[in-house]
């Protein structure tokens, strides 16, 4: 997902998506640890999506503070 898609979501939707991505990241780490991870690029995709969501959440928080 792009940052523009995340910006169109509400804060609650972003929190739910962030929670889902963190669960997915945990599962990928477990797969990597056991040697079952078939696509290592998934780790980067999830990590970057988490960073995008956090950035958008901080932007929204800063916008509300003004």
N, C-alpha and C. Protein backbone atom coordinates (compact mmCIF):
# COMPACT_ATOMS: atom_id res chain seq x y z
N UNK A 1 0.82 -1.18 0.00
CA UNK A 1 0.00 0.00 0.00
C UNK A 1 0.87 1.25 0.00
N UNK A 2 0.35 2.29 -0.60
CA UNK A 2 1.05 3.56 -0.64
C UNK A 2 0.68 4.40 0.56
N UNK A 3 1.47 5.42 0.82
CA UNK A 3 1.18 6.32 1.91
C UNK A 3 -0.12 7.07 1.65
N UNK A 4 -0.43 7.34 0.38
CA UNK A 4 -1.68 8.04 0.07
C UNK A 4 -2.89 7.18 0.45
N UNK A 5 -2.78 5.88 0.29
CA UNK A 5 -3.87 4.99 0.68
C UNK A 5 -4.02 4.98 2.20
N UNK A 6 -2.91 5.04 2.91
CA UNK A 6 -2.96 5.07 4.37
C UNK A 6 -3.53 6.39 4.86
N UNK A 7 -3.24 7.49 4.16
CA UNK A 7 -3.73 8.79 4.59
C UNK A 7 -5.25 8.88 4.48
N UNK A 8 -5.85 8.11 3.60
CA UNK A 8 -7.30 8.16 3.45
C UNK A 8 -8.03 7.36 4.52
N UNK A 9 -7.30 6.59 5.31
CA UNK A 9 -7.91 5.78 6.36
C UNK A 9 -8.01 6.56 7.66
N UNK A 10 -8.94 6.13 8.51
CA UNK A 10 -9.07 6.75 9.83
C UNK A 10 -8.00 6.21 10.76
N UNK A 11 -7.87 6.84 11.92
CA UNK A 11 -6.85 6.44 12.88
C UNK A 11 -7.10 5.03 13.38
N UNK A 12 -8.35 4.68 13.59
CA UNK A 12 -8.68 3.33 14.07
C UNK A 12 -8.34 2.28 13.03
N UNK A 13 -8.60 2.57 11.77
CA UNK A 13 -8.25 1.63 10.71
C UNK A 13 -6.73 1.47 10.61
N UNK A 14 -6.01 2.58 10.81
CA UNK A 14 -4.55 2.51 10.77
C UNK A 14 -4.02 1.66 11.92
N UNK A 15 -4.61 1.80 13.10
CA UNK A 15 -4.17 1.00 14.23
C UNK A 15 -4.41 -0.47 13.99
N UNK A 16 -5.57 -0.80 13.39
CA UNK A 16 -5.87 -2.20 13.10
C UNK A 16 -4.91 -2.75 12.06
N UNK A 17 -4.64 -1.97 11.02
CA UNK A 17 -3.70 -2.40 9.98
C UNK A 17 -2.30 -2.57 10.56
N UNK A 18 -1.89 -1.66 11.43
CA UNK A 18 -0.58 -1.75 12.06
C UNK A 18 -0.48 -3.02 12.90
N UNK A 19 -1.52 -3.32 13.64
CA UNK A 19 -1.54 -4.54 14.46
C UNK A 19 -1.44 -5.79 13.57
N UNK A 20 -2.18 -5.80 12.47
CA UNK A 20 -2.13 -6.94 11.55
C UNK A 20 -0.74 -7.11 10.95
N UNK A 21 -0.12 -6.00 10.58
CA UNK A 21 1.22 -6.07 9.99
C UNK A 21 2.25 -6.53 11.01
N UNK A 22 2.10 -6.13 12.25
CA UNK A 22 3.04 -6.59 13.27
C UNK A 22 2.90 -8.08 13.51
N UNK A 23 1.67 -8.60 13.45
CA UNK A 23 1.47 -10.04 13.58
C UNK A 23 2.11 -10.77 12.39
N UNK A 24 1.94 -10.20 11.20
CA UNK A 24 2.54 -10.79 10.01
C UNK A 24 4.06 -10.76 10.11
N UNK A 25 4.61 -9.66 10.64
CA UNK A 25 6.06 -9.55 10.80
C UNK A 25 6.56 -10.61 11.78
N UNK A 26 5.83 -10.82 12.85
CA UNK A 26 6.22 -11.85 13.82
C UNK A 26 6.22 -13.22 13.17
N UNK A 27 5.18 -13.53 12.40
CA UNK A 27 5.10 -14.82 11.73
C UNK A 27 6.25 -15.01 10.74
N UNK A 28 6.59 -13.95 10.03
CA UNK A 28 7.71 -14.03 9.08
C UNK A 28 9.03 -14.26 9.81
N UNK A 29 9.19 -13.61 10.97
CA UNK A 29 10.42 -13.83 11.75
C UNK A 29 10.51 -15.27 12.22
N UNK A 30 9.39 -15.84 12.61
CA UNK A 30 9.39 -17.24 13.05
C UNK A 30 9.72 -18.17 11.88
N UNK A 31 9.18 -17.87 10.71
CA UNK A 31 9.48 -18.67 9.53
C UNK A 31 10.95 -18.58 9.17
N UNK A 32 11.50 -17.37 9.27
CA UNK A 32 12.92 -17.19 8.96
C UNK A 32 13.78 -17.98 9.95
N UNK A 33 13.38 -17.98 11.21
CA UNK A 33 14.14 -18.68 12.23
C UNK A 33 14.14 -20.19 12.04
N UNK A 34 13.05 -20.72 11.51
CA UNK A 34 12.97 -22.16 11.30
C UNK A 34 13.40 -22.57 9.89
N UNK A 35 13.77 -21.57 9.07
CA UNK A 35 14.23 -21.88 7.72
C UNK A 35 13.11 -22.14 6.73
N UNK A 36 11.90 -21.72 7.03
CA UNK A 36 10.77 -21.97 6.14
C UNK A 36 10.36 -20.75 5.32
N UNK A 37 11.06 -19.65 5.46
CA UNK A 37 10.69 -18.42 4.76
C UNK A 37 11.03 -18.57 3.28
N UNK A 38 10.00 -18.55 2.44
CA UNK A 38 10.21 -18.77 1.01
C UNK A 38 10.56 -17.47 0.27
N UNK A 39 10.03 -16.33 0.73
CA UNK A 39 10.30 -15.06 0.06
C UNK A 39 10.84 -14.06 1.08
N UNK A 40 12.14 -13.92 1.17
CA UNK A 40 12.73 -12.99 2.14
C UNK A 40 12.34 -11.53 1.90
N UNK A 41 11.93 -11.19 0.70
CA UNK A 41 11.55 -9.82 0.40
C UNK A 41 10.28 -9.41 1.14
N UNK A 42 9.51 -10.38 1.61
CA UNK A 42 8.31 -10.07 2.38
C UNK A 42 8.66 -9.35 3.67
N UNK A 43 9.80 -9.68 4.26
CA UNK A 43 10.24 -9.01 5.48
C UNK A 43 10.39 -7.51 5.23
N UNK A 44 11.02 -7.14 4.13
CA UNK A 44 11.22 -5.73 3.80
C UNK A 44 9.89 -5.04 3.51
N UNK A 45 9.00 -5.72 2.80
CA UNK A 45 7.71 -5.13 2.46
C UNK A 45 6.92 -4.79 3.72
N UNK A 46 6.87 -5.73 4.66
CA UNK A 46 6.11 -5.53 5.89
C UNK A 46 6.75 -4.44 6.74
N UNK A 47 8.07 -4.46 6.85
CA UNK A 47 8.77 -3.47 7.66
C UNK A 47 8.53 -2.07 7.12
N UNK A 48 8.57 -1.91 5.80
CA UNK A 48 8.36 -0.60 5.21
C UNK A 48 6.91 -0.15 5.33
N UNK A 49 5.97 -1.08 5.25
CA UNK A 49 4.56 -0.73 5.42
C UNK A 49 4.31 -0.25 6.85
N UNK A 50 4.94 -0.89 7.83
CA UNK A 50 4.81 -0.46 9.22
C UNK A 50 5.35 0.95 9.38
N UNK A 51 6.48 1.23 8.77
CA UNK A 51 7.07 2.57 8.85
C UNK A 51 6.16 3.61 8.20
N UNK A 52 5.54 3.25 7.07
CA UNK A 52 4.63 4.18 6.41
C UNK A 52 3.43 4.50 7.30
N UNK A 53 2.87 3.48 7.93
CA UNK A 53 1.72 3.69 8.78
C UNK A 53 2.09 4.58 9.97
N UNK A 54 3.24 4.31 10.57
CA UNK A 54 3.67 5.13 11.71
C UNK A 54 3.87 6.58 11.29
N UNK A 55 4.42 6.80 10.10
CA UNK A 55 4.63 8.15 9.59
C UNK A 55 3.30 8.86 9.40
N UNK A 56 2.35 8.18 8.80
CA UNK A 56 1.03 8.79 8.57
C UNK A 56 0.34 9.08 9.90
N UNK A 57 0.47 8.16 10.87
CA UNK A 57 -0.15 8.39 12.17
C UNK A 57 0.47 9.61 12.86
N UNK A 58 1.79 9.77 12.75
CA UNK A 58 2.45 10.94 13.33
C UNK A 58 2.03 12.23 12.62
N UNK A 59 1.84 12.17 11.30
CA UNK A 59 1.37 13.33 10.56
C UNK A 59 -0.02 13.73 11.02
N UNK A 60 -0.89 12.74 11.20
CA UNK A 60 -2.24 13.03 11.65
C UNK A 60 -2.23 13.61 13.07
N UNK A 61 -1.38 13.06 13.92
CA UNK A 61 -1.28 13.54 15.30
C UNK A 61 -0.78 14.99 15.31
N UNK A 62 0.18 15.31 14.46
CA UNK A 62 0.72 16.66 14.38
C UNK A 62 -0.32 17.62 13.83
N UNK A 63 -1.13 17.13 12.89
CA UNK A 63 -2.19 17.96 12.33
C UNK A 63 -3.28 18.28 13.34
N UNK A 64 -3.55 17.34 14.23
CA UNK A 64 -4.57 17.57 15.25
C UNK A 64 -4.07 18.54 16.32
N UNK A 65 -2.76 18.57 16.54
CA UNK A 65 -2.19 19.42 17.59
C UNK A 65 -2.24 20.89 17.19
N UNK A 66 -2.29 21.16 15.89
CA UNK A 66 -2.29 22.55 15.43
C UNK A 66 -3.58 23.26 15.70
